[in-house]
Amino acid sequence: ATEGAKLATAKGQADLADLKAGKPVTAQ
């Protein structure tokens, strides 16, 4: 749970940066 949360946050922050930059992101 702890490590999964860290990975989820890292992935989320990277996706957020891409979305704000107008880059495509695979998401549901």
PDB file of all heavy atoms in Angstrom:
ATOM      1  N   ALA A   1       0.832  -1.205   0.000  1.00  0.00           N
ATOM      2  CA  ALA A   1       0.000   0.000   0.000  1.00  0.00           C
ATOM      3  C   ALA A   1       0.867   1.256   0.000  1.00  0.00           C
ATOM      4  O   ALA A   1       0.605   2.217  -0.737  1.00  0.00           O
ATOM      5  CB  ALA A   1      -0.920  -0.007   1.221  1.00  0.00           C
ATOM      6  N   THR A   2       1.926   1.255   0.833  1.00  0.00           N
ATOM      7  CA  THR A   2       2.786   2.432   0.929  1.00  0.00           C
ATOM      8  C   THR A   2       3.532   2.685  -0.378  1.00  0.00           C
ATOM      9  O   THR A   2       3.554   3.808  -0.900  1.00  0.00           O
ATOM     10  CB  THR A   2       3.796   2.253   2.076  1.00  0.00           C
ATOM     11  OG1 THR A   2       3.079   2.074   3.298  1.00  0.00           O
ATOM     12  CG2 THR A   2       4.699   3.462   2.197  1.00  0.00           C
ATOM     13  N   GLU A   3       4.165   1.631  -0.903  1.00  0.00           N
ATOM     14  CA  GLU A   3       4.927   1.796  -2.131  1.00  0.00           C
ATOM     15  C   GLU A   3       4.002   2.051  -3.324  1.00  0.00           C
ATOM     16  O   GLU A   3       4.329   2.820  -4.233  1.00  0.00           O
ATOM     17  CB  GLU A   3       5.791   0.558  -2.383  1.00  0.00           C
ATOM     18  CG  GLU A   3       6.864   0.332  -1.329  1.00  0.00           C
ATOM     19  CD  GLU A   3       7.776   1.531  -1.171  1.00  0.00           C
ATOM     20  OE1 GLU A   3       8.222   2.088  -2.208  1.00  0.00           O
ATOM     21  OE2 GLU A   3       8.049   1.930  -0.017  1.00  0.00           O
ATOM     22  N   GLY A   4       2.825   1.410  -3.311  1.00  0.00           N
ATOM     23  CA  GLY A   4       1.857   1.633  -4.378  1.00  0.00           C
ATOM     24  C   GLY A   4       1.382   3.068  -4.416  1.00  0.00           C
ATOM     25  O   GLY A   4       1.188   3.660  -5.492  1.00  0.00           O
ATOM     26  N   ALA A   5       1.195   3.659  -3.231  1.00  0.00           N
ATOM     27  CA  ALA A   5       0.771   5.057  -3.154  1.00  0.00           C
ATOM     28  C   ALA A   5       1.860   5.973  -3.719  1.00  0.00           C
ATOM     29  O   ALA A   5       1.564   6.959  -4.414  1.00  0.00           O
ATOM     30  CB  ALA A   5       0.455   5.430  -1.710  1.00  0.00           C
ATOM     31  N   LYS A   6       3.121   5.658  -3.436  1.00  0.00           N
ATOM     32  CA  LYS A   6       4.220   6.472  -3.967  1.00  0.00           C
ATOM     33  C   LYS A   6       4.254   6.398  -5.492  1.00  0.00           C
ATOM     34  O   LYS A   6       4.432   7.416  -6.179  1.00  0.00           O
ATOM     35  CB  LYS A   6       5.553   5.987  -3.395  1.00  0.00           C
ATOM     36  CG  LYS A   6       5.725   6.255  -1.913  1.00  0.00           C
ATOM     37  CD  LYS A   6       7.061   5.699  -1.429  1.00  0.00           C
ATOM     38  CE  LYS A   6       7.246   5.918   0.079  1.00  0.00           C
ATOM     39  NZ  LYS A   6       8.532   5.347   0.555  1.00  0.00           N
ATOM     40  N   LEU A   7       4.052   5.188  -6.029  1.00  0.00           N
ATOM     41  CA  LEU A   7       4.057   5.024  -7.476  1.00  0.00           C
ATOM     42  C   LEU A   7       2.863   5.725  -8.124  1.00  0.00           C
ATOM     43  O   LEU A   7       2.987   6.325  -9.206  1.00  0.00           O
ATOM     44  CB  LEU A   7       4.049   3.530  -7.830  1.00  0.00           C
ATOM     45  CG  LEU A   7       5.326   2.751  -7.465  1.00  0.00           C
ATOM     46  CD1 LEU A   7       5.113   1.253  -7.675  1.00  0.00           C
ATOM     47  CD2 LEU A   7       6.515   3.249  -8.300  1.00  0.00           C
ATOM     48  N   ALA A   8       1.701   5.651  -7.458  1.00  0.00           N
ATOM     49  CA  ALA A   8       0.501   6.314  -7.982  1.00  0.00           C
ATOM     50  C   ALA A   8       0.700   7.822  -8.016  1.00  0.00           C
ATOM     51  O   ALA A   8       0.319   8.498  -8.990  1.00  0.00           O
ATOM     52  CB  ALA A   8      -0.714   5.953  -7.120  1.00  0.00           C
ATOM     53  N   THR A   9       1.296   8.381  -6.956  1.00  0.00           N
ATOM     54  CA  THR A   9       1.541   9.820  -6.908  1.00  0.00           C
ATOM     55  C   THR A   9       2.532  10.245  -7.988  1.00  0.00           C
ATOM     56  O   THR A   9       2.341  11.253  -8.677  1.00  0.00           O
ATOM     57  CB  THR A   9       2.073  10.223  -5.516  1.00  0.00           C
ATOM     58  OG1 THR A   9       1.088   9.909  -4.536  1.00  0.00           O
ATOM     59  CG2 THR A   9       2.396  11.698  -5.466  1.00  0.00           C
ATOM     60  N   ALA A  10       3.622   9.469  -8.132  1.00  0.00           N
ATOM     61  CA  ALA A  10       4.619   9.808  -9.144  1.00  0.00           C
ATOM     62  C   ALA A  10       4.012   9.780 -10.550  1.00  0.00           C
ATOM     63  O   ALA A  10       4.244  10.689 -11.373  1.00  0.00           O
ATOM     64  CB  ALA A  10       5.797   8.836  -9.061  1.00  0.00           C
ATOM     65  N   LYS A  11       3.234   8.742 -10.835  1.00  0.00           N
ATOM     66  CA  LYS A  11       2.589   8.637 -12.137  1.00  0.00           C
ATOM     67  C   LYS A  11       1.578   9.765 -12.342  1.00  0.00           C
ATOM     68  O   LYS A  11       1.501  10.377 -13.418  1.00  0.00           O
ATOM     69  CB  LYS A  11       1.901   7.277 -12.246  1.00  0.00           C
ATOM     70  CG  LYS A  11       1.032   7.070 -13.483  1.00  0.00           C
ATOM     71  CD  LYS A  11       1.814   7.111 -14.764  1.00  0.00           C
ATOM     72  CE  LYS A  11       0.929   6.722 -15.951  1.00  0.00           C
ATOM     73  NZ  LYS A  11       1.593   6.962 -17.251  1.00  0.00           N
ATOM     74  N   GLY A  12       0.802  10.064 -11.292  1.00  0.00           N
ATOM     75  CA  GLY A  12      -0.199  11.118 -11.390  1.00  0.00           C
ATOM     76  C   GLY A  12       0.424  12.478 -11.639  1.00  0.00           C
ATOM     77  O   GLY A  12      -0.073  13.262 -12.472  1.00  0.00           O
ATOM     78  N   GLN A  13       1.493  12.783 -10.940  1.00  0.00           N
ATOM     79  CA  GLN A  13       2.146  14.075 -11.123  1.00  0.00           C
ATOM     80  C   GLN A  13       2.753  14.190 -12.522  1.00  0.00           C
ATOM     81  O   GLN A  13       2.714  15.266 -13.146  1.00  0.00           O
ATOM     82  CB  GLN A  13       3.218  14.262 -10.059  1.00  0.00           C
ATOM     83  CG  GLN A  13       2.636  14.457  -8.659  1.00  0.00           C
ATOM     84  CD  GLN A  13       3.689  14.499  -7.572  1.00  0.00           C
ATOM     85  OE1 GLN A  13       4.815  14.022  -7.766  1.00  0.00           O
ATOM     86  NE2 GLN A  13       3.338  15.047  -6.416  1.00  0.00           N
ATOM     87  N   ALA A  14       3.314  13.081 -13.030  1.00  0.00           N
ATOM     88  CA  ALA A  14       3.876  13.097 -14.394  1.00  0.00           C
ATOM     89  C   ALA A  14       2.766  13.300 -15.422  1.00  0.00           C
ATOM     90  O   ALA A  14       2.910  14.097 -16.370  1.00  0.00           O
ATOM     91  CB  ALA A  14       4.633  11.792 -14.658  1.00  0.00           C
ATOM     92  N   ASP A  15       1.642  12.583 -15.271  1.00  0.00           N
ATOM     93  CA  ASP A  15       0.511  12.739 -16.196  1.00  0.00           C
ATOM     94  C   ASP A  15      -0.051  14.155 -16.136  1.00  0.00           C
ATOM     95  O   ASP A  15      -0.419  14.731 -17.170  1.00  0.00           O
ATOM     96  CB  ASP A  15      -0.588  11.735 -15.858  1.00  0.00           C
ATOM     97  CG  ASP A  15      -0.239  10.313 -16.286  1.00  0.00           C
ATOM     98  OD1 ASP A  15       0.774  10.143 -16.995  1.00  0.00           O
ATOM     99  OD2 ASP A  15      -0.965   9.380 -15.905  1.00  0.00           O
ATOM    100  N   LEU A  16      -0.144  14.716 -14.940  1.00  0.00           N
ATOM    101  CA  LEU A  16      -0.674  16.073 -14.788  1.00  0.00           C
ATOM    102  C   LEU A  16       0.207  17.074 -15.526  1.00  0.00           C
ATOM    103  O   LEU A  16      -0.303  17.976 -16.221  1.00  0.00           O
ATOM    104  CB  LEU A  16      -0.767  16.437 -13.298  1.00  0.00           C
ATOM    105  CG  LEU A  16      -1.274  17.844 -12.983  1.00  0.00           C
ATOM    106  CD1 LEU A  16      -2.712  18.023 -13.477  1.00  0.00           C
ATOM    107  CD2 LEU A  16      -1.211  18.114 -11.478  1.00  0.00           C
ATOM    108  N   ALA A  17       1.526  16.915 -15.397  1.00  0.00           N
ATOM    109  CA  ALA A  17       2.445  17.815 -16.097  1.00  0.00           C
ATOM    110  C   ALA A  17       2.284  17.694 -17.608  1.00  0.00           C
ATOM    111  O   ALA A  17       2.276  18.711 -18.343  1.00  0.00           O
ATOM    112  CB  ALA A  17       3.886  17.512 -15.681  1.00  0.00           C
ATOM    113  N   ASP A  18       2.124  16.467 -18.100  1.00  0.00           N
ATOM    114  CA  ASP A  18       1.939  16.264 -19.548  1.00  0.00           C
ATOM    115  C   ASP A  18       0.631  16.886 -20.027  1.00  0.00           C
ATOM    116  O   ASP A  18       0.584  17.517 -21.093  1.00  0.00           O
ATOM    117  CB  ASP A  18       1.962  14.765 -19.873  1.00  0.00           C
ATOM    118  CG  ASP A  18       3.370  14.171 -19.791  1.00  0.00           C
ATOM    119  OD1 ASP A  18       4.335  14.952 -19.783  1.00  0.00           O
ATOM    120  OD2 ASP A  18       3.473  12.923 -19.713  1.00  0.00           O
ATOM    121  N   LEU A  19      -0.435  16.696 -19.264  1.00  0.00           N
ATOM    122  CA  LEU A  19      -1.741  17.247 -19.660  1.00  0.00           C
ATOM    123  C   LEU A  19      -1.699  18.767 -19.712  1.00  0.00           C
ATOM    124  O   LEU A  19      -2.241  19.386 -20.638  1.00  0.00           O
ATOM    125  CB  LEU A  19      -2.820  16.774 -18.671  1.00  0.00           C
ATOM    126  CG  LEU A  19      -3.204  15.295 -18.754  1.00  0.00           C
ATOM    127  CD1 LEU A  19      -4.035  14.889 -17.536  1.00  0.00           C
ATOM    128  CD2 LEU A  19      -3.982  15.017 -20.046  1.00  0.00           C
ATOM    129  N   LYS A  20      -1.056  19.379 -18.735  1.00  0.00           N
ATOM    130  CA  LYS A  20      -0.961  20.844 -18.729  1.00  0.00           C
ATOM    131  C   LYS A  20      -0.114  21.349 -19.896  1.00  0.00           C
ATOM    132  O   LYS A  20      -0.319  22.464 -20.385  1.00  0.00           O
ATOM    133  CB  LYS A  20      -0.363  21.311 -17.405  1.00  0.00           C
ATOM    134  CG  LYS A  20      -1.316  21.202 -16.222  1.00  0.00           C
ATOM    135  CD  LYS A  20      -0.686  21.767 -14.948  1.00  0.00           C
ATOM    136  CE  LYS A  20      -1.687  21.778 -13.799  1.00  0.00           C
ATOM    137  NZ  LYS A  20      -1.111  22.350 -12.553  1.00  0.00           N
ATOM    138  N   ALA A  21       0.850  20.491 -20.331  1.00  0.00           N
ATOM    139  CA  ALA A  21       1.702  20.869 -21.464  1.00  0.00           C
ATOM    140  C   ALA A  21       1.063  20.535 -22.808  1.00  0.00           C
ATOM    141  O   ALA A  21       1.646  20.794 -23.868  1.00  0.00           O
ATOM    142  CB  ALA A  21       3.057  20.167 -21.345  1.00  0.00           C
ATOM    143  N   GLY A  22      -0.126  19.947 -22.775  1.00  0.00           N
ATOM    144  CA  GLY A  22      -0.825  19.612 -24.014  1.00  0.00           C
ATOM    145  C   GLY A  22      -0.413  18.306 -24.621  1.00  0.00           C
ATOM    146  O   GLY A  22      -0.753  18.008 -25.778  1.00  0.00           O
ATOM    147  N   LYS A  23       0.305  17.484 -23.872  1.00  0.00           N
ATOM    148  CA  LYS A  23       0.752  16.202 -24.386  1.00  0.00           C
ATOM    149  C   LYS A  23      -0.318  15.134 -24.166  1.00  0.00           C
ATOM    150  O   LYS A  23      -1.057  15.197 -23.183  1.00  0.00           O
ATOM    151  CB  LYS A  23       2.054  15.788 -23.698  1.00  0.00           C
ATOM    152  CG  LYS A  23       3.218  16.735 -23.942  1.00  0.00           C
ATOM    153  CD  LYS A  23       4.461  16.267 -23.201  1.00  0.00           C
ATOM    154  CE  LYS A  23       5.636  17.219 -23.432  1.00  0.00           C
ATOM    155  NZ  LYS A  23       6.860  16.780 -22.700  1.00  0.00           N
ATOM    156  N   PRO A  24      -0.401  14.135 -25.045  1.00  0.00           N
ATOM    157  CA  PRO A  24      -1.410  13.073 -24.876  1.00  0.00           C
ATOM    158  C   PRO A  24      -1.045  12.148 -23.708  1.00  0.00           C
ATOM    159  O   PRO A  24       0.129  11.854 -23.469  1.00  0.00           O
ATOM    160  CB  PRO A  24      -1.355  12.321 -26.208  1.00  0.00           C
ATOM    161  CG  PRO A  24       0.023  12.578 -26.733  1.00  0.00           C
ATOM    162  CD  PRO A  24       0.397  13.967 -26.285  1.00  0.00           C
ATOM    163  N   VAL A  25      -2.087  11.700 -23.010  1.00  0.00           N
ATOM    164  CA  VAL A  25      -1.926  10.807 -21.866  1.00  0.00           C
ATOM    165  C   VAL A  25      -2.971   9.696 -21.979  1.00  0.00           C
ATOM    166  O   VAL A  25      -4.151   9.975 -22.245  1.00  0.00           O
ATOM    167  CB  VAL A  25      -2.098  11.556 -20.527  1.00  0.00           C
ATOM    168  CG1 VAL A  25      -2.193  10.558 -19.371  1.00  0.00           C
ATOM    169  CG2 VAL A  25      -0.934  12.502 -20.300  1.00  0.00           C
ATOM    170  N   THR A  26      -2.526   8.454 -21.783  1.00  0.00           N
ATOM    171  CA  THR A  26      -3.481   7.340 -21.781  1.00  0.00           C
ATOM    172  C   THR A  26      -4.191   7.322 -20.434  1.00  0.00           C
ATOM    173  O   THR A  26      -3.560   7.157 -19.379  1.00  0.00           O
ATOM    174  CB  THR A  26      -2.757   6.002 -22.000  1.00  0.00           C
ATOM    175  OG1 THR A  26      -2.055   6.056 -23.256  1.00  0.00           O
ATOM    176  CG2 THR A  26      -3.759   4.855 -22.010  1.00  0.00           C
ATOM    177  N   ALA A  27      -5.486   7.532 -20.475  1.00  0.00           N
ATOM    178  CA  ALA A  27      -6.212   7.649 -19.207  1.00  0.00           C
ATOM    179  C   ALA A  27      -7.659   7.222 -19.386  1.00  0.00           C
ATOM    180  O   ALA A  27      -8.209   7.269 -20.495  1.00  0.00           O
ATOM    181  CB  ALA A  27      -6.167   9.088 -18.700  1.00  0.00           C
ATOM    182  N   GLN A  28      -8.270   6.818 -18.289  1.00  0.00           N
ATOM    183  CA  GLN A  28      -9.704   6.513 -18.250  1.00  0.00           C
ATOM    184  C   GLN A  28     -10.391   7.594 -17.422  1.00  0.00           C
ATOM    185  O   GLN A  28     -10.226   7.659 -16.204  1.00  0.00           O
ATOM    186  CB  GLN A  28      -9.939   5.127 -17.630  1.00  0.00           C
ATOM    187  CG  GLN A  28      -9.473   3.971 -18.504  1.00  0.00           C
ATOM    188  CD  GLN A  28      -9.847   2.626 -17.914  1.00  0.00           C
ATOM    189  OE1 GLN A  28     -10.053   2.501 -16.714  1.00  0.00           O
ATOM    190  NE2 GLN A  28      -9.920   1.606 -18.759  1.00  0.00           N
TER     191      GLN A  28
END
